[in-house]
Amino acid sequence: TQQQSNVQSQSVDPSLPERKADDTFRDDKVAAESHAMLQKRIRELQLQLQLSERDSQLLRQSQDQQESLQFKVTSLEQQLKDAKEQMELQVVRLTNENNNFHEANSRAVKLQHQRELLCLREELQAERDRYTQLMARE
């Protein structure tokens, strides 16, 4: 502090009154308080920087997760669309098979009825012929 006083007294304008030790003590105290405040502010800024870096990292992770989820959603939507198309094709195929079965069944029933009708006609013709023969004999 003695050297500081000497340096201060040498660099001070001669027109200014000479500084006292109390002034130097006050200046040192103010400088120390100012230094402490600056140190505190530096720590606060460092903490804010750390928090900001952590927030940025969390944001990047969140964005990565969001992109991953979006990809999964898109993939699931495509799978759902494909499954729906497959189900629609299966419904169409089964409907066609059902229609074909009913057509075949209808044809079989119609053919059976035609055969029965033919048999009945033949029986009717046979009865007519027999009746005609009976009438001819009488």
N, C-alpha and C. Protein backbone atom coordinates (compact mmCIF):
# COMPACT_ATOMS: atom_id res chain seq x y z
N THR A 1 0.82 -1.20 0.00
CA THR A 1 0.00 0.00 0.00
C THR A 1 0.86 1.25 0.00
N GLN A 2 2.04 1.18 0.57
CA GLN A 2 2.95 2.32 0.59
C GLN A 2 3.37 2.66 -0.82
N GLN A 3 3.68 1.64 -1.61
CA GLN A 3 4.09 1.89 -3.00
C GLN A 3 2.93 2.45 -3.79
N GLN A 4 1.69 1.93 -3.51
CA GLN A 4 0.52 2.44 -4.20
C GLN A 4 0.34 3.92 -3.88
N SER A 5 0.55 4.27 -2.62
CA SER A 5 0.41 5.67 -2.23
C SER A 5 1.44 6.52 -2.95
N ASN A 6 2.69 6.02 -3.03
CA ASN A 6 3.74 6.77 -3.72
C ASN A 6 3.40 6.93 -5.19
N VAL A 7 2.92 5.84 -5.82
CA VAL A 7 2.58 5.90 -7.24
C VAL A 7 1.42 6.84 -7.43
N GLN A 8 0.43 6.75 -6.53
CA GLN A 8 -0.73 7.62 -6.66
C GLN A 8 -0.33 9.07 -6.47
N SER A 9 0.54 9.34 -5.48
CA SER A 9 0.92 10.73 -5.24
C SER A 9 1.73 11.27 -6.40
N GLN A 10 2.50 10.41 -7.07
CA GLN A 10 3.31 10.90 -8.18
C GLN A 10 2.45 11.17 -9.39
N SER A 11 1.40 10.37 -9.60
CA SER A 11 0.61 10.52 -10.81
C SER A 11 -0.56 11.47 -10.62
N VAL A 12 -0.75 11.96 -9.42
CA VAL A 12 -1.89 12.82 -9.14
C VAL A 12 -1.57 14.24 -9.58
N ASP A 13 -2.58 14.88 -10.06
CA ASP A 13 -2.45 16.28 -10.47
C ASP A 13 -2.11 17.12 -9.25
N PRO A 14 -1.08 17.98 -9.31
CA PRO A 14 -0.66 18.78 -8.13
C PRO A 14 -1.74 19.75 -7.68
N SER A 15 -2.68 20.06 -8.53
CA SER A 15 -3.70 21.01 -8.12
C SER A 15 -4.75 20.35 -7.22
N LEU A 16 -4.83 19.00 -7.27
CA LEU A 16 -5.78 18.29 -6.43
C LEU A 16 -5.21 18.15 -5.03
N PRO A 17 -6.11 18.11 -4.06
CA PRO A 17 -5.60 17.93 -2.70
C PRO A 17 -5.01 16.53 -2.55
N GLU A 18 -4.08 16.38 -1.67
CA GLU A 18 -3.41 15.10 -1.46
C GLU A 18 -4.37 14.11 -0.82
N ARG A 19 -4.28 12.86 -1.26
CA ARG A 19 -5.19 11.84 -0.75
C ARG A 19 -4.72 11.36 0.59
N LYS A 20 -5.67 11.01 1.39
CA LYS A 20 -5.35 10.53 2.73
C LYS A 20 -5.41 9.01 2.74
N ALA A 21 -4.92 8.42 3.77
CA ALA A 21 -4.92 6.97 3.92
C ALA A 21 -6.33 6.45 4.00
N ASP A 22 -7.25 7.22 4.62
CA ASP A 22 -8.65 6.78 4.68
C ASP A 22 -9.24 6.69 3.28
N ASP A 23 -8.87 7.65 2.43
CA ASP A 23 -9.36 7.63 1.05
C ASP A 23 -8.84 6.39 0.33
N THR A 24 -7.59 6.08 0.53
CA THR A 24 -6.98 4.91 -0.10
C THR A 24 -7.66 3.64 0.41
N PHE A 25 -7.90 3.59 1.74
CA PHE A 25 -8.58 2.43 2.33
C PHE A 25 -9.98 2.29 1.74
N ARG A 26 -10.69 3.44 1.62
CA ARG A 26 -12.02 3.42 1.03
C ARG A 26 -11.96 2.98 -0.42
N ASP A 27 -11.00 3.48 -1.16
CA ASP A 27 -10.85 3.08 -2.56
C ASP A 27 -10.55 1.59 -2.66
N ASP A 28 -9.68 1.10 -1.78
CA ASP A 28 -9.37 -0.33 -1.78
C ASP A 28 -10.61 -1.15 -1.44
N LYS A 29 -11.38 -0.67 -0.47
CA LYS A 29 -12.60 -1.37 -0.06
C LYS A 29 -13.61 -1.38 -1.21
N VAL A 30 -13.76 -0.22 -1.88
CA VAL A 30 -14.68 -0.12 -3.02
C VAL A 30 -14.19 -1.03 -4.15
N ALA A 31 -12.89 -1.03 -4.38
CA ALA A 31 -12.33 -1.88 -5.42
C ALA A 31 -12.56 -3.36 -5.08
N ALA A 32 -12.38 -3.72 -3.81
CA ALA A 32 -12.59 -5.10 -3.39
C ALA A 32 -14.06 -5.48 -3.55
N GLU A 33 -14.97 -4.58 -3.16
CA GLU A 33 -16.39 -4.85 -3.32
C GLU A 33 -16.76 -4.96 -4.79
N SER A 34 -16.18 -4.07 -5.57
CA SER A 34 -16.43 -4.10 -7.01
C SER A 34 -15.90 -5.40 -7.60
N HIS A 35 -14.72 -5.81 -7.17
CA HIS A 35 -14.14 -7.07 -7.65
C HIS A 35 -15.02 -8.25 -7.23
N ALA A 36 -15.52 -8.23 -6.00
CA ALA A 36 -16.39 -9.31 -5.52
C ALA A 36 -17.69 -9.35 -6.33
N MET A 37 -18.25 -8.17 -6.62
CA MET A 37 -19.47 -8.11 -7.41
C MET A 37 -19.22 -8.63 -8.83
N LEU A 38 -18.06 -8.26 -9.39
CA LEU A 38 -17.72 -8.75 -10.73
C LEU A 38 -17.55 -10.27 -10.72
N GLN A 39 -16.87 -10.79 -9.68
CA GLN A 39 -16.69 -12.24 -9.57
C GLN A 39 -18.04 -12.94 -9.46
N LYS A 40 -18.94 -12.35 -8.65
CA LYS A 40 -20.27 -12.92 -8.50
C LYS A 40 -21.00 -12.91 -9.83
N ARG A 41 -20.91 -11.79 -10.55
CA ARG A 41 -21.58 -11.67 -11.86
C ARG A 41 -20.99 -12.66 -12.86
N ILE A 42 -19.67 -12.85 -12.80
CA ILE A 42 -19.01 -13.83 -13.68
C ILE A 42 -19.54 -15.23 -13.39
N ARG A 43 -19.67 -15.58 -12.10
CA ARG A 43 -20.20 -16.89 -11.73
C ARG A 43 -21.65 -17.04 -12.22
N GLU A 44 -22.45 -15.95 -12.06
CA GLU A 44 -23.83 -15.99 -12.53
C GLU A 44 -23.88 -16.21 -14.04
N LEU A 45 -23.04 -15.50 -14.78
CA LEU A 45 -23.02 -15.64 -16.23
C LEU A 45 -22.54 -17.03 -16.65
N GLN A 46 -21.55 -17.57 -15.91
CA GLN A 46 -21.07 -18.92 -16.21
C GLN A 46 -22.19 -19.93 -15.97
N LEU A 47 -22.92 -19.74 -14.88
CA LEU A 47 -24.04 -20.63 -14.57
C LEU A 47 -25.11 -20.51 -15.66
N GLN A 48 -25.41 -19.28 -16.08
CA GLN A 48 -26.39 -19.09 -17.16
C GLN A 48 -25.92 -19.76 -18.45
N LEU A 49 -24.62 -19.65 -18.71
CA LEU A 49 -24.06 -20.29 -19.90
C LEU A 49 -24.20 -21.81 -19.81
N GLN A 50 -23.90 -22.37 -18.65
CA GLN A 50 -24.05 -23.82 -18.46
C GLN A 50 -25.50 -24.23 -18.63
N LEU A 51 -26.41 -23.45 -18.05
CA LEU A 51 -27.83 -23.76 -18.18
C LEU A 51 -28.29 -23.65 -19.63
N SER A 52 -27.79 -22.64 -20.31
CA SER A 52 -28.14 -22.45 -21.71
C SER A 52 -27.61 -23.61 -22.56
N GLU A 53 -26.38 -24.04 -22.30
CA GLU A 53 -25.82 -25.17 -23.03
C GLU A 53 -26.62 -26.44 -22.76
N ARG A 54 -27.02 -26.63 -21.49
CA ARG A 54 -27.82 -27.81 -21.13
C ARG A 54 -29.18 -27.74 -21.83
N ASP A 55 -29.78 -26.54 -21.84
CA ASP A 55 -31.07 -26.37 -22.51
C ASP A 55 -30.94 -26.67 -24.01
N SER A 56 -29.84 -26.20 -24.60
CA SER A 56 -29.61 -26.46 -26.03
C SER A 56 -29.47 -27.95 -26.28
N GLN A 57 -28.74 -28.63 -25.41
CA GLN A 57 -28.56 -30.07 -25.55
C GLN A 57 -29.90 -30.79 -25.40
N LEU A 58 -30.69 -30.39 -24.41
CA LEU A 58 -32.01 -30.99 -24.21
C LEU A 58 -32.92 -30.73 -25.42
N LEU A 59 -32.83 -29.52 -25.97
CA LEU A 59 -33.62 -29.19 -27.15
C LEU A 59 -33.23 -30.07 -28.33
N ARG A 60 -31.92 -30.26 -28.52
CA ARG A 60 -31.46 -31.13 -29.61
C ARG A 60 -31.96 -32.56 -29.40
N GLN A 61 -31.86 -33.04 -28.16
CA GLN A 61 -32.34 -34.39 -27.86
C GLN A 61 -33.85 -34.49 -28.12
N SER A 62 -34.57 -33.46 -27.71
CA SER A 62 -36.02 -33.44 -27.91
C SER A 62 -36.35 -33.45 -29.40
N GLN A 63 -35.62 -32.66 -30.17
CA GLN A 63 -35.84 -32.62 -31.62
C GLN A 63 -35.53 -33.97 -32.25
N ASP A 64 -34.44 -34.60 -31.79
CA ASP A 64 -34.09 -35.93 -32.31
C ASP A 64 -35.19 -36.94 -31.99
N GLN A 65 -35.69 -36.87 -30.75
CA GLN A 65 -36.77 -37.78 -30.36
C GLN A 65 -38.03 -37.51 -31.17
N GLN A 66 -38.31 -36.22 -31.40
CA GLN A 66 -39.49 -35.87 -32.18
C GLN A 66 -39.35 -36.40 -33.60
N GLU A 67 -38.17 -36.27 -34.20
CA GLU A 67 -37.96 -36.79 -35.55
C GLU A 67 -38.12 -38.30 -35.57
N SER A 68 -37.58 -38.96 -34.54
CA SER A 68 -37.69 -40.41 -34.45
C SER A 68 -39.16 -40.82 -34.33
N LEU A 69 -39.90 -40.13 -33.47
CA LEU A 69 -41.32 -40.44 -33.29
C LEU A 69 -42.10 -40.17 -34.57
N GLN A 70 -41.76 -39.09 -35.26
CA GLN A 70 -42.44 -38.77 -36.51
C GLN A 70 -42.20 -39.86 -37.54
N PHE A 71 -40.95 -40.36 -37.58
CA PHE A 71 -40.63 -41.46 -38.50
C PHE A 71 -41.45 -42.70 -38.14
N LYS A 72 -41.54 -43.01 -36.84
CA LYS A 72 -42.31 -44.16 -36.40
C LYS A 72 -43.79 -43.99 -36.74
N VAL A 73 -44.32 -42.79 -36.52
CA VAL A 73 -45.73 -42.52 -36.84
C VAL A 73 -45.97 -42.70 -38.33
N THR A 74 -45.07 -42.16 -39.14
CA THR A 74 -45.20 -42.29 -40.59
C THR A 74 -45.15 -43.76 -40.99
N SER A 75 -44.23 -44.50 -40.37
CA SER A 75 -44.10 -45.92 -40.67
C SER A 75 -45.38 -46.67 -40.27
N LEU A 76 -45.90 -46.37 -39.09
CA LEU A 76 -47.13 -47.03 -38.64
C LEU A 76 -48.32 -46.65 -39.51
N GLU A 77 -48.38 -45.39 -39.94
CA GLU A 77 -49.46 -44.98 -40.83
C GLU A 77 -49.39 -45.76 -42.14
N GLN A 78 -48.17 -45.95 -42.66
CA GLN A 78 -48.00 -46.71 -43.91
C GLN A 78 -48.41 -48.17 -43.69
N GLN A 79 -48.00 -48.74 -42.55
CA GLN A 79 -48.38 -50.12 -42.25
C GLN A 79 -49.90 -50.25 -42.15
N LEU A 80 -50.53 -49.27 -41.51
CA LEU A 80 -51.99 -49.27 -41.38
C LEU A 80 -52.65 -49.18 -42.75
N LYS A 81 -52.13 -48.30 -43.58
CA LYS A 81 -52.67 -48.14 -44.94
C LYS A 81 -52.51 -49.44 -45.72
N ASP A 82 -51.33 -50.08 -45.62
CA ASP A 82 -51.10 -51.34 -46.32
C ASP A 82 -52.05 -52.43 -45.81
N ALA A 83 -52.22 -52.49 -44.48
CA ALA A 83 -53.11 -53.50 -43.90
C ALA A 83 -54.55 -53.26 -44.35
N LYS A 84 -54.95 -51.99 -44.41
CA LYS A 84 -56.31 -51.67 -44.87
C LYS A 84 -56.50 -52.11 -46.31
N GLU A 85 -55.51 -51.84 -47.16
CA GLU A 85 -55.59 -52.25 -48.56
C GLU A 85 -55.67 -53.78 -48.67
N GLN A 86 -54.88 -54.48 -47.85
CA GLN A 86 -54.91 -55.94 -47.86
C GLN A 86 -56.28 -56.46 -47.44
N MET A 87 -56.85 -55.83 -46.41
CA MET A 87 -58.18 -56.23 -45.94
C MET A 87 -59.23 -55.98 -47.03
N GLU A 88 -59.14 -54.84 -47.69
CA GLU A 88 -60.09 -54.54 -48.77
C GLU A 88 -59.97 -55.56 -49.90
N LEU A 89 -58.72 -55.91 -50.25
CA LEU A 89 -58.52 -56.92 -51.29
C LEU A 89 -59.08 -58.27 -50.85
N GLN A 90 -58.86 -58.61 -49.59
CA GLN A 90 -59.38 -59.88 -49.08
C GLN A 90 -60.91 -59.88 -49.09
N VAL A 91 -61.53 -58.74 -48.72
CA VAL A 91 -62.99 -58.65 -48.76
C VAL A 91 -63.49 -58.82 -50.19
N VAL A 92 -62.83 -58.17 -51.14
CA VAL A 92 -63.23 -58.30 -52.54
C VAL A 92 -63.08 -59.74 -53.00
N ARG A 93 -61.94 -60.37 -52.64
CA ARG A 93 -61.71 -61.76 -53.05
C ARG A 93 -62.76 -62.70 -52.44
N LEU A 94 -63.03 -62.51 -51.14
CA LEU A 94 -64.03 -63.36 -50.48
C LEU A 94 -65.43 -63.12 -51.04
N THR A 95 -65.72 -61.86 -51.36
CA THR A 95 -67.02 -61.54 -51.97
C THR A 95 -67.14 -62.23 -53.32
N ASN A 96 -66.07 -62.18 -54.10
CA ASN A 96 -66.08 -62.85 -55.41
C ASN A 96 -66.24 -64.36 -55.24
N GLU A 97 -65.51 -64.93 -54.28
CA GLU A 97 -65.64 -66.37 -54.03
C GLU A 97 -67.08 -66.71 -53.61
N ASN A 98 -67.64 -65.87 -52.76
CA ASN A 98 -69.02 -66.08 -52.31
C ASN A 98 -69.99 -66.00 -53.48
N ASN A 99 -69.81 -64.99 -54.32
CA ASN A 99 -70.66 -64.84 -55.51
C ASN A 99 -70.50 -66.04 -56.44
N ASN A 100 -69.26 -66.48 -56.64
CA ASN A 100 -69.01 -67.65 -57.49
C ASN A 100 -69.67 -68.89 -56.91
N PHE A 101 -69.59 -69.05 -55.60
CA PHE A 101 -70.23 -70.20 -54.95
C PHE A 101 -71.74 -70.16 -55.16
N HIS A 102 -72.34 -68.97 -54.95
CA HIS A 102 -73.78 -68.85 -55.13
C HIS A 102 -74.19 -69.08 -56.58
N GLU A 103 -73.38 -68.59 -57.52
CA GLU A 103 -73.68 -68.83 -58.94
C GLU A 103 -73.60 -70.32 -59.25
N ALA A 104 -72.55 -70.95 -58.74
CA ALA A 104 -72.40 -72.39 -58.99
C ALA A 104 -73.55 -73.16 -58.34
N ASN A 105 -73.91 -72.76 -57.14
CA ASN A 105 -75.02 -73.39 -56.44
C ASN A 105 -76.33 -73.18 -57.21
N SER A 106 -76.53 -71.96 -57.69
CA SER A 106 -77.74 -71.66 -58.46
C SER A 106 -77.78 -72.48 -59.74
N ARG A 107 -76.65 -72.60 -60.42
CA ARG A 107 -76.59 -73.42 -61.64
C ARG A 107 -76.89 -74.89 -61.32
N ALA A 108 -76.34 -75.36 -60.20
CA ALA A 108 -76.58 -76.76 -59.81
C ALA A 108 -78.06 -76.98 -59.49
N VAL A 109 -78.67 -76.03 -58.78
CA VAL A 109 -80.10 -76.14 -58.45
C VAL A 109 -80.92 -76.08 -59.73
N LYS A 110 -80.58 -75.17 -60.64
CA LYS A 110 -81.30 -75.04 -61.91
C LYS A 110 -81.18 -76.32 -62.73
N LEU A 111 -79.99 -76.88 -62.77
CA LEU A 111 -79.77 -78.12 -63.51
C LEU A 111 -80.58 -79.26 -62.89
N GLN A 112 -80.59 -79.29 -61.55
CA GLN A 112 -81.39 -80.31 -60.86
C GLN A 112 -82.87 -80.16 -61.19
N HIS A 113 -83.35 -78.92 -61.19
CA HIS A 113 -84.75 -78.68 -61.52
C HIS A 113 -85.04 -79.05 -62.97
N GLN A 114 -84.11 -78.75 -63.87
CA GLN A 114 -84.30 -79.11 -65.27
C GLN A 114 -84.38 -80.63 -65.42
N ARG A 115 -83.52 -81.35 -64.69
CA ARG A 115 -83.56 -82.82 -64.75
C ARG A 115 -84.89 -83.35 -64.21
N GLU A 116 -85.32 -82.77 -63.06
CA GLU A 116 -86.59 -83.19 -62.48
C GLU A 116 -87.74 -82.91 -63.44
N LEU A 117 -87.70 -81.71 -64.07
CA LEU A 117 -88.74 -81.36 -65.04
C LEU A 117 -88.73 -82.32 -66.22
N LEU A 118 -87.55 -82.66 -66.70
CA LEU A 118 -87.42 -83.60 -67.81
C LEU A 118 -87.99 -84.97 -67.41
N CYS A 119 -87.69 -85.40 -66.21
CA CYS A 119 -88.22 -86.67 -65.72
C CYS A 119 -89.75 -86.62 -65.64
N LEU A 120 -90.27 -85.50 -65.13
CA LEU A 120 -91.73 -85.36 -65.03
C LEU A 120 -92.36 -85.34 -66.41
N ARG A 121 -91.72 -84.68 -67.38
CA ARG A 121 -92.25 -84.66 -68.75
C ARG A 121 -92.26 -86.08 -69.34
N GLU A 122 -91.16 -86.77 -69.08
CA GLU A 122 -91.07 -88.14 -69.59
C GLU A 122 -92.16 -89.02 -68.96
N GLU A 123 -92.34 -88.83 -67.63
CA GLU A 123 -93.40 -89.60 -66.96
C GLU A 123 -94.77 -89.23 -67.51
N LEU A 124 -94.96 -87.90 -67.73
CA LEU A 124 -96.24 -87.45 -68.27
C LEU A 124 -96.47 -88.04 -69.66
N GLN A 125 -95.42 -88.03 -70.47
CA GLN A 125 -95.54 -88.58 -71.82
C GLN A 125 -95.84 -90.09 -71.75
N ALA A 126 -95.19 -90.73 -70.81
CA ALA A 126 -95.43 -92.18 -70.65
C ALA A 126 -96.86 -92.41 -70.21
N GLU A 127 -97.40 -91.61 -69.35
CA GLU A 127 -98.79 -91.74 -68.90
C GLU A 127 -99.76 -91.47 -70.05
N ARG A 128 -99.45 -90.48 -70.87
CA ARG A 128 -100.30 -90.16 -72.03
C ARG A 128 -100.31 -91.34 -73.00
N ASP A 129 -99.08 -91.84 -73.21
CA ASP A 129 -98.99 -92.97 -74.14
C ASP A 129 -99.81 -94.16 -73.60
N ARG A 130 -99.72 -94.43 -72.33
CA ARG A 130 -100.46 -95.53 -71.72
C ARG A 130 -101.96 -95.26 -71.79
N TYR A 131 -102.32 -94.02 -71.53
CA TYR A 131 -103.75 -93.65 -71.60
C TYR A 131 -104.26 -93.82 -73.02
N THR A 132 -103.44 -93.38 -73.97
CA THR A 132 -103.82 -93.50 -75.38
C THR A 132 -103.97 -94.98 -75.74
N GLN A 133 -103.11 -95.81 -75.26
CA GLN A 133 -103.20 -97.24 -75.54
C GLN A 133 -104.43 -97.83 -74.87
N LEU A 134 -104.72 -97.39 -73.67
CA LEU A 134 -105.93 -97.88 -72.98
C LEU A 134 -107.18 -97.45 -73.74
N MET A 135 -107.18 -96.25 -74.21
CA MET A 135 -108.36 -95.74 -74.95
C MET A 135 -108.47 -96.46 -76.29
N ALA A 136 -107.35 -96.76 -76.86
CA ALA A 136 -107.38 -97.46 -78.14
C ALA A 136 -107.89 -98.88 -77.96
N ARG A 137 -107.67 -99.50 -76.91
CA ARG A 137 -108.11 -100.87 -76.64
C ARG A 137 -109.60 -100.91 -76.35
N GLU A 138 -110.12 -99.91 -75.84
CA GLU A 138 -111.53 -99.93 -75.48
C GLU A 138 -112.34 -99.60 -76.65
